[in-house]
Amino acid sequence: MSNQSAKRLVLGFKVLKKVPAVLRPLTDHVVACYRRHHADLQSVFVIGSVAVGEWTEGVSDVDVVGVVDHAFTTEDEDPRRHELTELGKSFPQVSFINNSTLSLEALQEKNPDAMSIDRARIIAVTGLLVSGQKLDFHDYLPTVEAMAYGRAARAKILMGRYRLGIINEPFRSNPKLLARSCAKAAIRVLSGITILRGAIFYASPHKTAAMVTRYAPEAVPLAYRALAIVDGAVSEPNEAMGIAEQAVEMFYELYPEPLA
């Protein structure tokens, strides 16, 4: 593994310079919502499929991260999450607005939590600034190893929360969206196996599945079960959670966590 740790990701996409015109009214509303609920807001980034030009109208969600100065609790986010859940219902162009917050204070702690690190990494890789300061997350551009282990760790944490019933809207009230969230987490974990084996890193679940076929044949059944759910196949959340948990288990069986 040591020869992997210094390798940077080879990206299979470029980040757009602007949000697609059809989404600009929505992102304007999202930014205004963050400003209302977070007095210490510094920036708002769109990440994921929108930022890399892989967004599909009427199917894909919009992933947004607001960057704030100070640490916060889950309860602090509830009013914003509720407002954005309702806002997403009025924009049929998107399936929903997937929104989160990154605290600079929490990120700068001696031992930042995995979720904070993951959000900083994804901004570094796919972040498209839509409002505020152009914060530099270059220091969080991950190595291959950091991205792979980070994705596995985040999925493990996320499935643990879901199993405990710690589920934010709109996932709590929409089983289909919850199942899709779990399936996407599974694909992200399996992408970790592929990039550790030399694959190009893609944000797209479909292109990731193609990399699994080429670089991780033992993971193909899991990848395509997950991809079917992402594409709309009916699935109970428990089934999709199980797929994600199997992906995490496979990852750590193949690549046990390095000793500190």
Protein backbone atom coordinates (compact mmCIF):
# COMPACT_ATOMS: atom_id res chain seq x y z
CA MET A 1 0.00 0.00 0.00
CA SER A 2 2.87 2.38 0.57
CA ASN A 3 3.33 3.07 -3.13
CA GLN A 4 -0.31 4.16 -3.33
CA SER A 5 -0.25 6.67 -0.50
CA ALA A 6 1.61 9.37 -2.43
CA LYS A 7 -0.43 9.02 -5.63
CA ARG A 8 -2.93 11.71 -6.49
CA LEU A 9 -6.28 10.89 -7.99
CA VAL A 10 -6.51 10.77 -11.77
CA LEU A 11 -9.82 12.50 -12.46
CA GLY A 12 -12.13 11.51 -15.30
CA PHE A 13 -13.93 14.86 -15.37
CA LYS A 14 -13.48 18.63 -15.16
CA VAL A 15 -15.38 20.97 -12.86
CA LEU A 16 -17.67 23.40 -14.66
CA LYS A 17 -17.17 27.16 -14.33
CA LYS A 18 -20.88 27.91 -13.91
CA VAL A 19 -24.03 26.16 -12.78
CA PRO A 20 -26.29 25.23 -15.75
CA ALA A 21 -28.73 28.03 -16.51
CA VAL A 22 -31.77 25.87 -15.70
CA LEU A 23 -30.52 25.52 -12.12
CA ARG A 24 -29.49 29.10 -11.38
CA PRO A 25 -32.85 30.24 -9.96
CA LEU A 26 -32.76 27.24 -7.63
CA THR A 27 -29.18 27.82 -6.49
CA ASP A 28 -30.00 31.49 -5.84
CA HIS A 29 -32.79 30.38 -3.49
CA VAL A 30 -30.47 27.85 -1.83
CA VAL A 31 -27.82 30.49 -1.17
CA ALA A 32 -30.43 32.84 0.30
CA CYS A 33 -31.62 30.04 2.58
CA TYR A 34 -28.09 29.38 3.87
CA ARG A 35 -27.66 33.08 4.56
CA ARG A 36 -30.89 33.21 6.55
CA HIS A 37 -29.93 30.30 8.76
CA HIS A 38 -26.16 30.71 9.15
CA ALA A 39 -24.91 34.15 10.19
CA ASP A 40 -21.30 32.96 9.91
CA LEU A 41 -21.69 31.65 6.34
CA GLN A 42 -18.53 32.07 4.26
CA SER A 43 -19.26 30.24 1.01
CA VAL A 44 -21.66 27.92 -0.77
CA PHE A 45 -20.43 25.23 -3.12
CA VAL A 46 -22.31 22.96 -5.50
CA ILE A 47 -20.63 19.56 -5.66
CA GLY A 48 -21.14 16.22 -7.37
CA SER A 49 -23.00 15.66 -10.64
CA VAL A 50 -24.01 19.29 -11.21
CA ALA A 51 -20.44 20.53 -10.76
CA VAL A 52 -18.94 18.01 -13.19
CA GLY A 53 -21.59 18.18 -15.92
CA GLU A 54 -23.18 14.80 -15.22
CA TRP A 55 -26.48 16.10 -13.82
CA THR A 56 -29.67 14.76 -15.43
CA GLU A 57 -32.75 16.99 -15.32
CA GLY A 58 -35.65 15.52 -13.40
CA VAL A 59 -33.59 12.61 -12.09
CA SER A 60 -30.49 13.88 -10.31
CA ASP A 61 -30.41 15.75 -7.05
CA VAL A 62 -28.46 18.92 -6.35
CA ASP A 63 -25.65 18.52 -3.81
CA VAL A 64 -24.74 21.67 -1.90
CA VAL A 65 -22.29 22.40 0.93
CA GLY A 66 -22.32 25.62 2.91
CA VAL A 67 -19.05 26.55 4.60
CA VAL A 68 -19.40 28.27 7.98
CA ASP A 69 -16.92 29.54 10.54
CA HIS A 70 -18.09 27.88 13.74
CA ALA A 71 -18.96 24.39 14.89
CA PHE A 72 -22.64 23.41 14.90
CA THR A 73 -24.97 20.63 15.99
CA THR A 74 -27.38 18.55 13.96
CA GLU A 75 -30.21 20.53 15.53
CA ASP A 76 -28.63 23.76 14.26
CA GLU A 77 -29.08 22.47 10.72
CA ASP A 78 -32.69 21.34 11.06
CA PRO A 79 -34.42 24.63 10.09
CA ARG A 80 -32.31 24.99 6.95
CA ARG A 81 -32.79 21.36 5.99
CA HIS A 82 -36.55 21.66 6.44
CA GLU A 83 -36.74 24.79 4.30
CA LEU A 84 -34.63 23.27 1.53
CA THR A 85 -36.68 20.07 1.58
CA GLU A 86 -39.78 22.14 0.88
CA LEU A 87 -37.96 24.24 -1.72
CA GLY A 88 -36.88 21.12 -3.60
CA LYS A 89 -40.52 20.10 -4.01
CA SER A 90 -41.20 23.26 -6.02
CA PHE A 91 -38.40 22.60 -8.53
CA PRO A 92 -39.26 19.53 -10.65
CA GLN A 93 -35.90 19.85 -12.40
CA VAL A 94 -34.30 18.07 -9.41
CA SER A 95 -35.19 15.04 -7.32
CA PHE A 96 -34.32 16.94 -4.13
CA ILE A 97 -31.74 19.31 -2.62
CA ASN A 98 -29.07 17.36 -0.76
CA ASN A 99 -27.55 19.94 1.58
CA SER A 100 -24.91 19.88 4.30
CA THR A 101 -22.56 22.20 6.15
CA LEU A 102 -18.82 22.25 6.72
CA SER A 103 -17.45 24.03 9.78
CA LEU A 104 -14.00 25.55 9.33
CA GLU A 105 -13.57 25.41 13.11
CA ALA A 106 -14.26 21.67 13.18
CA LEU A 107 -12.06 21.10 10.14
CA GLN A 108 -9.12 22.82 11.82
CA GLU A 109 -9.27 20.74 15.00
CA LYS A 110 -6.31 18.51 15.81
CA ASN A 111 -8.30 15.42 14.87
CA PRO A 112 -11.16 16.47 12.56
CA ASP A 113 -14.07 14.04 12.25
CA ALA A 114 -14.38 11.89 9.12
CA MET A 115 -17.46 13.71 7.84
CA SER A 116 -15.73 17.12 7.94
CA ILE A 117 -12.67 15.77 6.14
CA ASP A 118 -14.86 14.09 3.53
CA ARG A 119 -16.73 17.32 2.77
CA ALA A 120 -13.48 19.25 2.46
CA ARG A 121 -12.12 16.61 0.08
CA ILE A 122 -15.17 16.58 -2.13
CA ILE A 123 -15.12 20.39 -2.36
CA ALA A 124 -11.46 20.16 -3.32
CA VAL A 125 -12.27 17.62 -6.05
CA THR A 126 -15.66 18.76 -7.42
CA GLY A 127 -16.48 22.05 -5.70
CA LEU A 128 -18.10 24.75 -7.85
CA LEU A 129 -18.34 28.05 -5.95
CA VAL A 130 -21.78 29.66 -6.28
CA SER A 131 -21.56 32.28 -3.53
CA GLY A 132 -19.15 33.87 -1.07
CA GLN A 133 -15.42 33.69 -0.62
CA LYS A 134 -13.31 31.56 -2.94
CA LEU A 135 -11.91 29.45 -0.13
CA ASP A 136 -8.90 27.33 -0.99
CA PHE A 137 -9.31 23.64 -0.18
CA HIS A 138 -6.25 22.63 -2.18
CA ASP A 139 -4.61 21.18 0.94
CA TYR A 140 -7.45 18.66 1.10
CA LEU A 141 -6.95 17.27 -2.39
CA PRO A 142 -6.78 13.61 -1.46
CA THR A 143 -4.31 10.95 -2.34
CA VAL A 144 -5.70 7.78 -3.84
CA GLU A 145 -5.44 6.07 -0.48
CA ALA A 146 -7.03 8.95 1.45
CA MET A 147 -10.03 9.08 -0.89
CA ALA A 148 -10.52 5.32 -0.86
CA TYR A 149 -10.36 4.92 2.93
CA GLY A 150 -12.30 8.13 3.48
CA ARG A 151 -15.20 6.94 1.34
CA ALA A 152 -15.32 3.60 3.12
CA ALA A 153 -15.23 5.29 6.53
CA ARG A 154 -17.98 7.75 5.61
CA ALA A 155 -20.25 4.99 4.30
CA LYS A 156 -19.70 2.99 7.48
CA ILE A 157 -20.64 6.01 9.59
CA LEU A 158 -23.65 6.80 7.41
CA MET A 159 -25.04 3.25 7.52
CA GLY A 160 -24.53 3.21 11.29
CA ARG A 161 -26.60 6.38 11.60
CA TYR A 162 -29.30 5.07 9.31
CA ARG A 163 -29.52 1.83 11.29
CA LEU A 164 -30.01 3.89 14.45
CA GLY A 165 -32.78 5.88 12.79
CA ILE A 166 -30.71 9.07 12.53
CA ILE A 167 -32.04 10.01 9.10
CA ASN A 168 -32.49 13.53 7.77
CA GLU A 169 -35.25 14.65 5.46
CA PRO A 170 -36.13 14.02 2.72
CA PHE A 171 -34.75 10.52 3.24
CA ARG A 172 -36.76 9.89 6.42
CA SER A 173 -40.11 10.33 4.69
CA ASN A 174 -39.12 8.98 1.28
CA PRO A 175 -37.93 5.33 1.33
CA LYS A 176 -37.00 5.45 -2.35
CA LEU A 177 -34.59 8.34 -1.79
CA LEU A 178 -33.17 6.64 1.30
CA ALA A 179 -32.52 3.43 -0.65
CA ARG A 180 -30.87 5.44 -3.43
CA SER A 181 -28.64 7.22 -0.91
CA CYS A 182 -27.47 3.87 0.43
CA ALA A 183 -26.89 2.50 -3.07
CA LYS A 184 -24.80 5.54 -4.03
CA ALA A 185 -22.77 5.06 -0.84
CA ALA A 186 -22.09 1.46 -1.87
CA ILE A 187 -20.84 2.55 -5.28
CA ARG A 188 -18.58 5.15 -3.69
CA VAL A 189 -17.03 2.49 -1.48
CA LEU A 190 -16.43 0.19 -4.43
CA SER A 191 -14.83 3.08 -6.31
CA GLY A 192 -12.21 3.02 -3.55
CA ILE A 193 -11.21 -0.49 -4.57
CA THR A 194 -10.88 0.55 -8.20
CA ILE A 195 -8.73 3.62 -7.62
CA LEU A 196 -6.42 1.66 -5.32
CA ARG A 197 -5.92 -0.62 -8.31
CA GLY A 198 -5.11 2.20 -10.70
CA ALA A 199 -8.50 3.22 -12.10
CA ILE A 200 -9.48 6.75 -13.07
CA PHE A 201 -11.75 8.42 -10.51
CA TYR A 202 -15.25 9.32 -11.70
CA ALA A 203 -18.11 11.06 -9.91
CA SER A 204 -20.68 9.25 -12.07
CA PRO A 205 -22.11 6.01 -10.60
CA HIS A 206 -22.35 4.54 -14.11
CA LYS A 207 -18.74 5.25 -14.99
CA THR A 208 -17.68 4.01 -11.58
CA ALA A 209 -19.53 0.75 -12.23
CA ALA A 210 -17.62 0.43 -15.51
CA MET A 211 -14.38 0.82 -13.56
CA VAL A 212 -15.54 -1.88 -11.14
CA THR A 213 -16.11 -4.23 -14.09
CA ARG A 214 -12.56 -3.66 -15.27
CA TYR A 215 -10.61 -3.36 -12.01
CA ALA A 216 -12.65 -5.19 -9.35
CA PRO A 217 -14.53 -8.11 -10.93
CA GLU A 218 -15.26 -9.62 -7.49
CA ALA A 219 -17.35 -6.53 -6.73
CA VAL A 220 -19.39 -6.52 -9.96
CA PRO A 221 -22.55 -8.16 -8.51
CA LEU A 222 -22.69 -5.62 -5.67
CA ALA A 223 -21.95 -2.70 -7.99
CA TYR A 224 -24.73 -3.52 -10.41
CA ARG A 225 -27.27 -4.25 -7.66
CA ALA A 226 -26.48 -0.80 -6.30
CA LEU A 227 -26.55 0.81 -9.75
CA ALA A 228 -29.99 -0.64 -10.46
CA ILE A 229 -31.32 1.09 -7.33
CA VAL A 230 -29.64 4.36 -8.32
CA ASP A 231 -31.40 4.05 -11.69
CA GLY A 232 -34.80 3.63 -10.07
CA ALA A 233 -35.26 -0.08 -9.32
CA VAL A 234 -37.61 -0.67 -6.42
CA SER A 235 -35.75 -1.52 -3.22
CA GLU A 236 -36.46 -1.48 0.47
CA PRO A 237 -34.03 0.75 2.39
CA ASN A 238 -32.88 -2.25 4.45
CA GLU A 239 -31.85 -4.06 1.28
CA ALA A 240 -29.88 -1.05 0.04
CA MET A 241 -28.27 -0.56 3.45
CA GLY A 242 -27.21 -4.19 3.32
CA ILE A 243 -25.58 -3.67 -0.07
CA ALA A 244 -23.63 -0.68 1.27
CA GLU A 245 -22.58 -2.65 4.35
CA GLN A 246 -21.41 -5.53 2.16
CA ALA A 247 -19.38 -3.08 0.09
CA VAL A 248 -17.74 -1.69 3.23
CA GLU A 249 -16.99 -5.21 4.46
CA MET A 250 -15.47 -6.18 1.11
CA PHE A 251 -13.34 -3.04 1.06
CA TYR A 252 -11.81 -3.65 4.48
CA GLU A 253 -11.30 -7.35 3.78
CA LEU A 254 -9.28 -6.44 0.70
CA TYR A 255 -7.57 -3.40 2.23
CA PRO A 256 -7.41 -3.53 6.05
CA GLU A 257 -6.89 -0.12 7.61
CA PRO A 258 -3.18 0.72 7.79
CA LEU A 259 -1.60 0.72 11.22
CA ALA A 260 -1.20 4.22 12.65
